[in-house]
Amino acid sequence: MNSEQSQKPVTPQKQEQAVEAPLAPSNAKAPMTHKKRQSLQVTVDIVKDITVILTCVSIVTGIVLSALHLRDDWRHEKFVGLSQARDVIDKEDSIQNELAVFRLTTNGPSPEALLEKYGSGRAVYFSDEMKPYRTICRHYEKVGALLQENYIDFDLYYQIEVFPDYFWDRTLDLRKKIKDNWDGKGRPLNDFLKNFERLHGMYQKRRAAEK
């Protein structure tokens, strides 16, 4: 048999099969087993748990820091308030001296005359001749405000300080004229000395309760 007879021709069908059969890649991965899937799921669950824990820790840390900040603000506010309260208490002696001088001053212009002279309650209140009156009023106005905001304990203040009843009663007409005509005749300032008035009410209420 010669060489031409030994070489059999490849049929078209076999040639197509040879082309269609792909070579298996050398680095092909084996399918994931059930055990590997379980291991991967455990890892994912652990990561999720850690994420939740870190989130919770972050939230708690934020709450704690906010609470500490609020506490520091509260302490600062109370410190400022206590400093103001101490200043008020320290001024009580000088205010009592002003009240004593006021009690001795029996002669002076009437509220009507003052209003006629200055034209408005504001001008009367801030005039030089009314400085002693203004000093006393502003002191007790400040005391009333500090009590209202709980910077001063009223029980303590009531025990150590006497309300200036004589001053309050004697200046009733003057106070009314200034209040009702603050920006000119018939133009009132309705909250004029409202904290002083509140302080007076607190004393009246406590006195009535002690009878």
C-alpha atoms as a PDB file:
ATOM      1  CA  MET A   1       0.000   0.000   0.000  1.00  0.00           C
ATOM      2  CA  ASN A   2       1.443   3.310  -1.028  1.00  0.00           C
ATOM      3  CA  SER A   3       1.452   6.497   1.071  1.00  0.00           C
ATOM      4  CA  GLU A   4      -1.429   8.078  -0.779  1.00  0.00           C
ATOM      5  CA  GLN A   5      -3.674   5.126   0.033  1.00  0.00           C
ATOM      6  CA  SER A   6      -2.651   5.142   3.753  1.00  0.00           C
ATOM      7  CA  GLN A   7      -3.815   8.761   4.290  1.00  0.00           C
ATOM      8  CA  LYS A   8      -7.575   8.603   4.672  1.00  0.00           C
ATOM      9  CA  PRO A   9      -9.425  11.850   3.917  1.00  0.00           C
ATOM     10  CA  VAL A  10     -11.278  13.562   6.787  1.00  0.00           C
ATOM     11  CA  THR A  11     -14.973  13.748   6.154  1.00  0.00           C
ATOM     12  CA  PRO A  12     -16.755  17.135   6.552  1.00  0.00           C
ATOM     13  CA  GLN A  13     -18.756  15.826   9.542  1.00  0.00           C
ATOM     14  CA  LYS A  14     -15.661  14.823  11.480  1.00  0.00           C
ATOM     15  CA  GLN A  15     -14.011  18.097  10.580  1.00  0.00           C
ATOM     16  CA  GLU A  16     -16.945  20.080  12.080  1.00  0.00           C
ATOM     17  CA  GLN A  17     -16.775  17.982  15.273  1.00  0.00           C
ATOM     18  CA  ALA A  18     -13.128  18.709  15.576  1.00  0.00           C
ATOM     19  CA  VAL A  19     -13.771  22.432  15.296  1.00  0.00           C
ATOM     20  CA  GLU A  20     -16.736  22.485  17.701  1.00  0.00           C
ATOM     21  CA  ALA A  21     -15.015  20.617  20.515  1.00  0.00           C
ATOM     22  CA  PRO A  22     -13.402  23.386  22.691  1.00  0.00           C
ATOM     23  CA  LEU A  23     -10.364  22.737  24.723  1.00  0.00           C
ATOM     24  CA  ALA A  24     -10.966  22.727  28.507  1.00  0.00           C
ATOM     25  CA  PRO A  25      -9.124  25.668  30.112  1.00  0.00           C
ATOM     26  CA  SER A  26      -6.312  24.659  32.368  1.00  0.00           C
ATOM     27  CA  ASN A  27      -7.434  27.064  35.185  1.00  0.00           C
ATOM     28  CA  ALA A  28     -11.166  26.141  35.293  1.00  0.00           C
ATOM     29  CA  LYS A  29     -12.603  26.331  38.841  1.00  0.00           C
ATOM     30  CA  ALA A  30     -14.345  23.417  40.375  1.00  0.00           C
ATOM     31  CA  PRO A  31     -18.008  24.024  41.361  1.00  0.00           C
ATOM     32  CA  MET A  32     -18.512  25.363  44.952  1.00  0.00           C
ATOM     33  CA  THR A  33     -19.361  22.637  47.376  1.00  0.00           C
ATOM     34  CA  HIS A  34     -22.141  22.855  49.996  1.00  0.00           C
ATOM     35  CA  LYS A  35     -19.577  23.109  52.768  1.00  0.00           C
ATOM     36  CA  LYS A  36     -17.889  26.086  51.127  1.00  0.00           C
ATOM     37  CA  ARG A  37     -21.250  27.806  50.675  1.00  0.00           C
ATOM     38  CA  GLN A  38     -21.989  27.395  54.380  1.00  0.00           C
ATOM     39  CA  SER A  39     -18.568  28.752  55.306  1.00  0.00           C
ATOM     40  CA  LEU A  40     -19.050  31.778  53.062  1.00  0.00           C
ATOM     41  CA  GLN A  41     -22.518  32.450  54.535  1.00  0.00           C
ATOM     42  CA  VAL A  42     -21.079  32.308  58.069  1.00  0.00           C
ATOM     43  CA  THR A  43     -18.432  34.840  57.079  1.00  0.00           C
ATOM     44  CA  VAL A  44     -21.067  37.171  55.610  1.00  0.00           C
ATOM     45  CA  ASP A  45     -23.192  36.868  58.761  1.00  0.00           C
ATOM     46  CA  ILE A  46     -20.188  37.691  60.947  1.00  0.00           C
ATOM     47  CA  VAL A  47     -19.431  40.800  58.878  1.00  0.00           C
ATOM     48  CA  LYS A  48     -23.064  41.897  59.190  1.00  0.00           C
ATOM     49  CA  ASP A  49     -23.012  41.385  62.958  1.00  0.00           C
ATOM     50  CA  ILE A  50     -19.792  43.384  63.281  1.00  0.00           C
ATOM     51  CA  THR A  51     -21.295  46.185  61.192  1.00  0.00           C
ATOM     52  CA  VAL A  52     -24.393  46.306  63.417  1.00  0.00           C
ATOM     53  CA  ILE A  53     -22.243  46.336  66.567  1.00  0.00           C
ATOM     54  CA  LEU A  54     -20.034  49.139  65.246  1.00  0.00           C
ATOM     55  CA  THR A  55     -23.123  51.138  64.283  1.00  0.00           C
ATOM     56  CA  CYS A  56     -24.601  50.698  67.766  1.00  0.00           C
ATOM     57  CA  VAL A  57     -21.313  51.678  69.391  1.00  0.00           C
ATOM     58  CA  SER A  58     -21.156  54.780  67.197  1.00  0.00           C
ATOM     59  CA  ILE A  59     -24.716  55.770  68.153  1.00  0.00           C
ATOM     60  CA  VAL A  60     -24.111  55.209  71.873  1.00  0.00           C
ATOM     61  CA  THR A  61     -20.852  57.177  71.694  1.00  0.00           C
ATOM     62  CA  GLY A  62     -22.678  60.049  70.023  1.00  0.00           C
ATOM     63  CA  ILE A  63     -25.376  60.023  72.711  1.00  0.00           C
ATOM     64  CA  VAL A  64     -22.796  59.982  75.510  1.00  0.00           C
ATOM     65  CA  LEU A  65     -20.812  62.832  73.977  1.00  0.00           C
ATOM     66  CA  SER A  66     -23.989  64.856  73.502  1.00  0.00           C
ATOM     67  CA  ALA A  67     -24.971  64.239  77.124  1.00  0.00           C
ATOM     68  CA  LEU A  68     -21.542  65.311  78.341  1.00  0.00           C
ATOM     69  CA  HIS A  69     -21.752  68.443  76.206  1.00  0.00           C
ATOM     70  CA  LEU A  70     -25.191  69.289  77.601  1.00  0.00           C
ATOM     71  CA  ARG A  71     -23.921  68.685  81.123  1.00  0.00           C
ATOM     72  CA  ASP A  72     -21.028  71.049  80.585  1.00  0.00           C
ATOM     73  CA  ASP A  73     -23.390  73.669  79.139  1.00  0.00           C
ATOM     74  CA  TRP A  74     -25.706  73.234  82.127  1.00  0.00           C
ATOM     75  CA  ARG A  75     -22.813  73.595  84.559  1.00  0.00           C
ATOM     76  CA  HIS A  76     -21.596  76.710  82.783  1.00  0.00           C
ATOM     77  CA  GLU A  77     -25.093  78.179  82.762  1.00  0.00           C
ATOM     78  CA  LYS A  78     -25.549  77.436  86.454  1.00  0.00           C
ATOM     79  CA  PHE A  79     -22.129  78.863  87.246  1.00  0.00           C
ATOM     80  CA  VAL A  80     -23.005  82.088  85.438  1.00  0.00           C
ATOM     81  CA  GLY A  81     -26.348  82.171  87.213  1.00  0.00           C
ATOM     82  CA  LEU A  82     -24.766  81.599  90.606  1.00  0.00           C
ATOM     83  CA  SER A  83     -22.265  84.374  89.938  1.00  0.00           C
ATOM     84  CA  GLN A  84     -25.111  86.748  89.115  1.00  0.00           C
ATOM     85  CA  ALA A  85     -27.017  85.626  92.202  1.00  0.00           C
ATOM     86  CA  ARG A  86     -23.975  86.236  94.374  1.00  0.00           C
ATOM     87  CA  ASP A  87     -23.611  89.721  92.918  1.00  0.00           C
ATOM     88  CA  VAL A  88     -27.254  90.453  93.714  1.00  0.00           C
ATOM     89  CA  ILE A  89     -26.906  89.261  97.301  1.00  0.00           C
ATOM     90  CA  ASP A  90     -23.715  91.268  97.743  1.00  0.00           C
ATOM     91  CA  LYS A  91     -25.553  94.416  96.652  1.00  0.00           C
ATOM     92  CA  GLU A  92     -28.324  94.043  99.214  1.00  0.00           C
ATOM     93  CA  ASP A  93     -26.498  96.141 101.813  1.00  0.00           C
ATOM     94  CA  SER A  94     -26.036  99.071  99.466  1.00  0.00           C
ATOM     95  CA  ILE A  95     -29.676  98.787  98.358  1.00  0.00           C
ATOM     96  CA  GLN A  96     -30.799  98.882 101.969  1.00  0.00           C
ATOM     97  CA  ASN A  97     -28.841 102.121 102.354  1.00  0.00           C
ATOM     98  CA  GLU A  98     -30.615 103.530  99.301  1.00  0.00           C
ATOM     99  CA  LEU A  99     -33.943 102.523 100.785  1.00  0.00           C
ATOM    100  CA  ALA A 100     -33.092 104.226 104.069  1.00  0.00           C
ATOM    101  CA  VAL A 101     -32.274 107.463 102.248  1.00  0.00           C
ATOM    102  CA  PHE A 102     -35.460 107.182 100.223  1.00  0.00           C
ATOM    103  CA  ARG A 103     -37.510 106.767 103.395  1.00  0.00           C
ATOM    104  CA  LEU A 104     -36.036 109.997 104.788  1.00  0.00           C
ATOM    105  CA  THR A 105     -36.785 111.901 101.599  1.00  0.00           C
ATOM    106  CA  THR A 106     -40.307 113.179 102.157  1.00  0.00           C
ATOM    107  CA  ASN A 107     -40.342 116.139  99.835  1.00  0.00           C
ATOM    108  CA  GLY A 108     -40.174 115.807  96.091  1.00  0.00           C
ATOM    109  CA  PRO A 109     -42.068 116.492  92.886  1.00  0.00           C
ATOM    110  CA  SER A 110     -45.313 114.608  92.316  1.00  0.00           C
ATOM    111  CA  PRO A 111     -45.557 111.970  89.579  1.00  0.00           C
ATOM    112  CA  GLU A 112     -47.764 114.372  87.592  1.00  0.00           C
ATOM    113  CA  ALA A 113     -45.184 117.120  87.856  1.00  0.00           C
ATOM    114  CA  LEU A 114     -42.390 114.766  86.784  1.00  0.00           C
ATOM    115  CA  LEU A 115     -44.357 113.585  83.781  1.00  0.00           C
ATOM    116  CA  GLU A 116     -45.149 117.167  82.832  1.00  0.00           C
ATOM    117  CA  LYS A 117     -41.496 118.104  83.187  1.00  0.00           C
ATOM    118  CA  TYR A 118     -39.978 115.251  81.156  1.00  0.00           C
ATOM    119  CA  GLY A 119     -42.820 114.422  78.781  1.00  0.00           C
ATOM    120  CA  SER A 120     -42.675 110.623  79.025  1.00  0.00           C
ATOM    121  CA  GLY A 121     -42.339 107.887  81.594  1.00  0.00           C
ATOM    122  CA  ARG A 122     -39.093 106.747  79.972  1.00  0.00           C
ATOM    123  CA  ALA A 123     -37.556 110.196  80.389  1.00  0.00           C
ATOM    124  CA  VAL A 124     -38.721 110.350  84.006  1.00  0.00           C
ATOM    125  CA  TYR A 125     -37.285 106.902  84.804  1.00  0.00           C
ATOM    126  CA  PHE A 126     -33.868 107.624  83.273  1.00  0.00           C
ATOM    127  CA  SER A 127     -33.552 111.182  84.574  1.00  0.00           C
ATOM    128  CA  ASP A 128     -30.695 112.066  86.926  1.00  0.00           C
ATOM    129  CA  GLU A 129     -32.992 113.055  89.756  1.00  0.00           C
ATOM    130  CA  MET A 130     -34.635 109.633  89.642  1.00  0.00           C
ATOM    131  CA  LYS A 131     -31.357 107.723  89.887  1.00  0.00           C
ATOM    132  CA  PRO A 132     -31.944 106.509  93.495  1.00  0.00           C
ATOM    133  CA  TYR A 133     -35.425 105.299  92.534  1.00  0.00           C
ATOM    134  CA  ARG A 134     -34.068 103.635  89.385  1.00  0.00           C
ATOM    135  CA  THR A 135     -31.250 101.913  91.292  1.00  0.00           C
ATOM    136  CA  ILE A 136     -33.674 100.339  93.753  1.00  0.00           C
ATOM    137  CA  CYS A 137     -36.137  99.302  91.052  1.00  0.00           C
ATOM    138  CA  ARG A 138     -33.506  97.738  88.834  1.00  0.00           C
ATOM    139  CA  HIS A 139     -32.075  95.757  91.729  1.00  0.00           C
ATOM    140  CA  TYR A 140     -35.379  94.123  92.628  1.00  0.00           C
ATOM    141  CA  GLU A 141     -36.271  93.720  88.972  1.00  0.00           C
ATOM    142  CA  LYS A 142     -33.090  91.675  88.593  1.00  0.00           C
ATOM    143  CA  VAL A 143     -33.849  89.658  91.727  1.00  0.00           C
ATOM    144  CA  GLY A 144     -37.303  88.827  90.370  1.00  0.00           C
ATOM    145  CA  ALA A 145     -35.843  87.716  87.036  1.00  0.00           C
ATOM    146  CA  LEU A 146     -33.231  85.483  88.695  1.00  0.00           C
ATOM    147  CA  LEU A 147     -35.910  83.906  90.866  1.00  0.00           C
ATOM    148  CA  GLN A 148     -38.099  83.343  87.818  1.00  0.00           C
ATOM    149  CA  GLU A 149     -35.260  81.506  86.046  1.00  0.00           C
ATOM    150  CA  ASN A 150     -34.421  79.495  89.204  1.00  0.00           C
ATOM    151  CA  TYR A 151     -30.957  80.984  89.611  1.00  0.00           C
ATOM    152  CA  ILE A 152     -31.873  81.964  93.158  1.00  0.00           C
ATOM    153  CA  ASP A 153     -33.794  79.805  95.586  1.00  0.00           C
ATOM    154  CA  PHE A 154     -36.808  81.786  96.761  1.00  0.00           C
ATOM    155  CA  ASP A 155     -37.036  79.987 100.110  1.00  0.00           C
ATOM    156  CA  LEU A 156     -33.488  81.042 100.904  1.00  0.00           C
ATOM    157  CA  TYR A 157     -33.957  84.598  99.643  1.00  0.00           C
ATOM    158  CA  TYR A 158     -37.200  84.959 101.590  1.00  0.00           C
ATOM    159  CA  GLN A 159     -35.459  83.913 104.789  1.00  0.00           C
ATOM    160  CA  ILE A 160     -32.574  86.376 104.541  1.00  0.00           C
ATOM    161  CA  GLU A 161     -33.987  89.407 102.681  1.00  0.00           C
ATOM    162  CA  VAL A 162     -36.925  91.680 103.519  1.00  0.00           C
ATOM    163  CA  PHE A 163     -39.168  92.928 100.758  1.00  0.00           C
ATOM    164  CA  PRO A 164     -39.187  96.783 100.550  1.00  0.00           C
ATOM    165  CA  ASP A 165     -42.911  97.217 101.277  1.00  0.00           C
ATOM    166  CA  TYR A 166     -42.583 100.884 102.189  1.00  0.00           C
ATOM    167  CA  PHE A 167     -40.861 101.678  98.904  1.00  0.00           C
ATOM    168  CA  TRP A 168     -43.331  99.593  96.885  1.00  0.00           C
ATOM    169  CA  ASP A 169     -46.403 101.181  98.434  1.00  0.00           C
ATOM    170  CA  ARG A 170     -45.095 104.735  98.414  1.00  0.00           C
ATOM    171  CA  THR A 171     -44.097 104.653  94.737  1.00  0.00           C
ATOM    172  CA  LEU A 172     -47.332 103.108  93.493  1.00  0.00           C
ATOM    173  CA  ASP A 173     -48.537 106.309  91.778  1.00  0.00           C
ATOM    174  CA  LEU A 174     -45.105 107.045  90.323  1.00  0.00           C
ATOM    175  CA  ARG A 175     -44.787 103.500  89.013  1.00  0.00           C
ATOM    176  CA  LYS A 176     -48.220 103.717  87.411  1.00  0.00           C
ATOM    177  CA  LYS A 177     -47.486 107.077  85.768  1.00  0.00           C
ATOM    178  CA  ILE A 178     -44.225 105.808  84.296  1.00  0.00           C
ATOM    179  CA  LYS A 179     -45.809 102.564  83.104  1.00  0.00           C
ATOM    180  CA  ASP A 180     -48.899 104.129  81.533  1.00  0.00           C
ATOM    181  CA  ASN A 181     -46.972 106.897  79.772  1.00  0.00           C
ATOM    182  CA  TRP A 182     -43.667 105.242  78.917  1.00  0.00           C
ATOM    183  CA  ASP A 183     -43.442 106.500  75.327  1.00  0.00           C
ATOM    184  CA  GLY A 184     -45.524 109.609  75.965  1.00  0.00           C
ATOM    185  CA  LYS A 185     -48.944 110.302  77.389  1.00  0.00           C
ATOM    186  CA  GLY A 186     -51.238 107.349  76.895  1.00  0.00           C
ATOM    187  CA  ARG A 187     -48.505 105.108  75.417  1.00  0.00           C
ATOM    188  CA  PRO A 188     -47.795 102.418  78.036  1.00  0.00           C
ATOM    189  CA  LEU A 189     -45.086  99.867  78.661  1.00  0.00           C
ATOM    190  CA  ASN A 190     -47.200  97.051  80.049  1.00  0.00           C
ATOM    191  CA  ASP A 191     -44.317  94.920  81.347  1.00  0.00           C
ATOM    192  CA  PHE A 192     -42.617  97.782  83.197  1.00  0.00           C
ATOM    193  CA  LEU A 193     -41.016  96.318  86.370  1.00  0.00           C
ATOM    194  CA  LYS A 194     -42.902  93.046  85.859  1.00  0.00           C
ATOM    195  CA  ASN A 195     -40.225  91.030  87.682  1.00  0.00           C
ATOM    196  CA  PHE A 196     -40.297  93.402  90.639  1.00  0.00           C
ATOM    197  CA  GLU A 197     -44.067  92.996  90.670  1.00  0.00           C
ATOM    198  CA  ARG A 198     -43.708  89.203  90.488  1.00  0.00           C
ATOM    199  CA  LEU A 199     -41.322  89.328  93.453  1.00  0.00           C
ATOM    200  CA  HIS A 200     -43.889  91.320  95.408  1.00  0.00           C
ATOM    201  CA  GLY A 201     -46.544  88.712  94.591  1.00  0.00           C
ATOM    202  CA  MET A 202     -44.275  85.887  95.752  1.00  0.00           C
ATOM    203  CA  TYR A 203     -43.728  87.594  99.096  1.00  0.00           C
ATOM    204  CA  GLN A 204     -47.443  88.271  99.493  1.00  0.00           C
ATOM    205  CA  LYS A 205     -48.290  84.661  98.763  1.00  0.00           C
ATOM    206  CA  ARG A 206     -45.713  83.296 101.199  1.00  0.00           C
ATOM    207  CA  ARG A 207     -46.784  85.671 103.934  1.00  0.00           C
ATOM    208  CA  ALA A 208     -50.414  84.687 103.485  1.00  0.00           C
ATOM    209  CA  ALA A 209     -49.461  81.007 103.685  1.00  0.00           C
ATOM    210  CA  GLU A 210     -47.568  81.572 106.944  1.00  0.00           C
ATOM    211  CA  LYS A 211     -50.464  83.257 108.737  1.00  0.00           C
END
